[in-house]
C-alpha cells in the first residue's frame, strides 16, 4: 500500500509540474514531512501563477505530517536542535595574518 500520493485533477503545464516536483523533492530531501513539502511546493506554484495546484491524498491511518523521505537520524536539522550558521564562526575571523603586510 502507498501511504501518500499527489495528483492533479486536470491537465497541467510542464513548467508547473517541473517546478512542483523540484520544490517538493528538494524539501523532502531536506528532511521535511510530505505535508510540509507539499504545502511549500503548492505555495511556490501559486506564486508562479498556477491556478490548479495538485492535491495530496493519504491512505486511511497514514498522516502526511508523519511521512518522511529520509529517516530522523540523517535529516539536516533534527527537531528541537538549533543550527549554528557558519558565518558566526569567530575563530576564523580572530586569527592574526600569517605574513606581515608588504609595506609598513
Protein backbone atom coordinates (compact mmCIF):
# COMPACT_ATOMS: atom_id res chain seq x y z
CA UNK A 1 0.00 0.00 0.00
CA UNK A 2 1.20 3.50 -0.85
CA UNK A 3 0.69 5.78 2.19
CA UNK A 4 0.62 9.14 0.36
CA UNK A 5 0.02 10.20 -3.26
CA UNK A 6 0.00 13.51 -5.11
CA UNK A 7 -2.03 14.21 -8.23
CA UNK A 8 -3.62 16.85 -10.40
CA UNK A 9 -7.31 16.70 -11.31
CA UNK A 10 -6.77 18.01 -14.83
CA UNK A 11 -4.11 18.99 -17.30
CA UNK A 12 -1.07 20.83 -16.03
CA UNK A 13 1.66 22.73 -17.83
CA UNK A 14 5.07 21.06 -17.89
CA UNK A 15 6.62 24.15 -16.31
CA UNK A 16 4.33 23.92 -13.29
CA UNK A 17 4.82 20.16 -12.94
CA UNK A 18 8.63 20.56 -13.00
CA UNK A 19 8.56 23.45 -10.52
CA UNK A 20 6.31 21.50 -8.16
CA UNK A 21 8.44 18.35 -8.36
CA UNK A 22 11.69 20.27 -7.89
CA UNK A 23 10.39 22.08 -4.80
CA UNK A 24 8.70 19.01 -3.33
CA UNK A 25 11.71 16.69 -3.64
CA UNK A 26 14.21 19.33 -2.53
CA UNK A 27 12.22 19.84 0.67
CA UNK A 28 11.73 16.10 1.21
CA UNK A 29 15.48 15.56 0.84
CA UNK A 30 16.00 18.38 3.34
CA UNK A 31 14.07 16.47 5.98
CA UNK A 32 10.60 17.99 5.79
CA UNK A 33 7.47 15.86 6.08
CA UNK A 34 5.40 15.12 2.98
CA UNK A 35 2.68 17.51 4.18
CA UNK A 36 5.11 20.40 4.76
CA UNK A 37 6.98 19.82 1.48
CA UNK A 38 3.67 19.65 -0.41
CA UNK A 39 2.43 22.84 1.24
CA UNK A 40 5.62 24.69 0.33
CA UNK A 41 5.52 23.42 -3.27
CA UNK A 42 1.86 24.48 -3.60
CA UNK A 43 2.73 27.94 -2.30
CA UNK A 44 5.52 28.24 -4.89
CA UNK A 45 3.09 27.20 -7.65
CA UNK A 46 0.67 29.89 -6.53
CA UNK A 47 3.42 32.49 -6.77
CA UNK A 48 4.27 31.32 -10.29
CA UNK A 49 0.66 31.66 -11.48
CA UNK A 50 -0.64 28.08 -11.35
CA UNK A 51 -4.40 28.16 -10.80
CA UNK A 52 -4.94 24.40 -10.38
CA UNK A 53 -2.45 23.06 -7.78
CA UNK A 54 -2.04 19.33 -7.07
CA UNK A 55 -3.84 17.55 -4.27
CA UNK A 56 -2.32 15.39 -1.56
CA UNK A 57 -4.12 12.14 -0.73
CA UNK A 58 -3.28 9.75 2.09
CA UNK A 59 -4.34 6.20 2.84
CA UNK A 60 -6.52 5.58 5.90
CA UNK A 61 -4.41 5.60 9.03
CA UNK A 62 -1.46 7.45 7.42
CA UNK A 63 -0.92 11.11 8.20
CA UNK A 64 1.13 13.09 5.64
CA UNK A 65 2.67 15.00 8.57
CA UNK A 66 4.25 11.76 9.76
CA UNK A 67 5.63 10.62 6.39
CA UNK A 68 9.26 11.44 5.60
CA UNK A 69 11.53 10.55 2.69
CA UNK A 70 14.59 10.19 4.91
CA UNK A 71 14.98 8.90 8.45
CA UNK A 72 15.28 11.16 11.51
CA UNK A 73 18.96 10.33 12.02
CA UNK A 74 20.03 11.83 8.67
CA UNK A 75 17.79 14.87 8.44
CA UNK A 76 19.66 18.14 8.11
CA UNK A 77 18.14 19.78 11.17
CA UNK A 78 16.87 17.40 13.86
CA UNK A 79 13.74 18.76 15.57
CA UNK A 80 14.49 20.86 18.61
CA UNK A 81 18.17 21.47 17.86
CA UNK A 82 19.20 24.93 16.67
CA UNK A 83 21.54 25.33 13.75
CA UNK A 84 24.67 27.43 14.13
CA UNK A 85 25.41 29.22 10.85
CA UNK A 86 28.99 29.11 9.62
CA UNK A 87 29.08 32.90 9.39
CA UNK A 88 29.25 33.05 13.17
CA UNK A 89 32.45 31.03 13.38
CA UNK A 90 34.51 33.60 15.34
CA UNK A 91 37.69 31.54 15.43
CA UNK A 92 38.40 32.10 11.75
CA UNK A 93 37.88 35.88 11.98
CA UNK A 94 40.12 36.42 15.01
CA UNK A 95 43.25 34.83 13.60
CA UNK A 96 46.27 37.00 13.04
CA UNK A 97 47.61 37.25 9.49
CA UNK A 98 50.24 34.66 8.66
CA UNK A 99 52.52 37.15 6.95
CA UNK A 100 53.18 40.79 7.76
CA UNK A 101 51.95 43.39 5.28
CA UNK A 102 54.46 44.13 2.50
CA UNK A 103 54.69 47.85 3.39
CA UNK A 104 54.73 49.28 6.90
